C-alpha cells in the first residue's frame, strides 16, 4: 500500500490533472457559450479555475502549505466548472 501524498503534493497532483482535462489555454473556449444560451458563463468559469491555479502555484513556490479544506474547495470548484462546461456543450465528457 502506497503512502498518501502530503498536502503540497496532493494540490500539485490536482493542478496537473486539471491542466490536462480542462481547456484552460485553448482560446476557442474562452468565449460565451454556443448560441448565447449559457448556463453559467464558460469564459468566467475557466478564468476562475485559471486564477486559482495561478494562485496555488505561486503560493506553493513561496512555501505556503495548503490546508485540507483548501484542497477540498479547489477540487470541488474544478468538478463544478467541468460540469458547467459540459452542460453548456463547450466540453465533452
Protein backbone atom coordinates (compact mmCIF):
# COMPACT_ATOMS: atom_id res chain seq x y z
CA UNK A 1 0.00 0.00 0.00
CA UNK A 2 1.50 3.32 -1.07
CA UNK A 3 1.56 6.19 1.42
CA UNK A 4 -0.80 9.11 0.94
CA UNK A 5 0.78 12.22 -0.56
CA UNK A 6 1.46 15.25 1.58
CA UNK A 7 -0.79 18.30 1.11
CA UNK A 8 1.56 20.10 -1.29
CA UNK A 9 1.90 17.01 -3.49
CA UNK A 10 -1.87 16.46 -3.41
CA UNK A 11 -2.51 20.03 -4.57
CA UNK A 12 0.13 19.74 -7.30
CA UNK A 13 -1.46 16.48 -8.49
CA UNK A 14 -4.90 18.10 -8.70
CA UNK A 15 -3.47 21.09 -10.59
CA UNK A 16 -1.72 18.77 -13.03
CA UNK A 17 -4.91 16.78 -13.63
CA UNK A 18 -6.99 19.94 -14.12
CA UNK A 19 -4.50 21.30 -16.66
CA UNK A 20 -4.76 18.03 -18.60
CA UNK A 21 -8.55 17.78 -18.51
CA UNK A 22 -9.81 21.35 -18.84
CA UNK A 23 -9.13 23.50 -21.93
CA UNK A 24 -7.53 26.34 -19.95
CA UNK A 25 -5.20 27.58 -22.70
CA UNK A 26 -7.49 26.98 -25.68
CA UNK A 27 -8.71 30.41 -26.87
CA UNK A 28 -11.78 28.97 -28.61
CA UNK A 29 -13.17 28.01 -25.20
CA UNK A 30 -12.70 31.48 -23.72
CA UNK A 31 -15.89 32.71 -25.39
CA UNK A 32 -19.54 32.79 -24.48
CA UNK A 33 -21.47 29.55 -24.78
CA UNK A 34 -22.98 28.37 -28.05
CA UNK A 35 -25.83 30.48 -29.41
CA UNK A 36 -25.98 32.68 -26.31
CA UNK A 37 -27.77 30.00 -24.28
CA UNK A 38 -25.30 29.90 -21.42
CA UNK A 39 -25.97 28.30 -18.08
CA UNK A 40 -23.10 29.98 -16.31
CA UNK A 41 -20.51 31.75 -18.45
CA UNK A 42 -17.86 29.25 -19.69
CA UNK A 43 -15.33 32.05 -20.09
CA UNK A 44 -15.72 33.19 -16.50
CA UNK A 45 -15.69 29.62 -15.19
CA UNK A 46 -12.37 28.91 -16.93
CA UNK A 47 -10.95 32.23 -15.73
CA UNK A 48 -11.81 31.34 -12.13
CA UNK A 49 -10.04 27.99 -12.38
CA UNK A 50 -7.05 29.55 -14.14
CA UNK A 51 -6.70 32.22 -11.45
CA UNK A 52 -6.94 29.62 -8.67
CA UNK A 53 -4.25 27.53 -10.35
CA UNK A 54 -2.00 30.58 -10.67
CA UNK A 55 -2.58 31.46 -7.02
CA UNK A 56 -1.78 27.98 -5.72
CA UNK A 57 1.25 27.51 -7.94
CA UNK A 58 2.76 30.76 -6.68
CA UNK A 59 1.70 30.10 -3.07
CA UNK A 60 3.37 26.68 -3.11
CA UNK A 61 6.55 28.17 -4.60
CA UNK A 62 6.51 30.74 -1.76
CA UNK A 63 6.32 27.96 0.83
CA UNK A 64 2.61 28.06 1.67
CA UNK A 65 1.15 24.67 2.50
CA UNK A 66 -2.50 24.24 1.51
CA UNK A 67 -4.90 23.09 4.20
CA UNK A 68 -7.14 20.08 3.64
CA UNK A 69 -10.07 22.48 3.26
CA UNK A 70 -8.21 24.39 0.53
CA UNK A 71 -7.59 21.18 -1.38
CA UNK A 72 -11.21 20.12 -0.98
CA UNK A 73 -12.58 23.51 -2.10
CA UNK A 74 -10.27 23.65 -5.11
CA UNK A 75 -11.16 20.15 -6.27
CA UNK A 76 -14.88 20.85 -5.78
CA UNK A 77 -14.56 24.09 -7.78
CA UNK A 78 -12.86 22.22 -10.63
CA UNK A 79 -15.51 19.48 -10.66
CA UNK A 80 -18.30 22.05 -10.73
CA UNK A 81 -16.64 24.04 -13.53
CA UNK A 82 -16.19 20.89 -15.60
CA UNK A 83 -19.85 20.03 -15.07
CA UNK A 84 -20.83 23.57 -16.12
CA UNK A 85 -18.74 23.32 -19.28
CA UNK A 86 -20.35 20.00 -20.16
CA UNK A 87 -23.82 21.48 -19.54
CA UNK A 88 -23.03 24.35 -21.93
CA UNK A 89 -21.74 22.00 -24.62
CA UNK A 90 -18.28 23.57 -24.52
CA UNK A 91 -16.61 20.49 -23.14
CA UNK A 92 -17.41 16.85 -23.86
CA UNK A 93 -17.47 14.09 -21.26
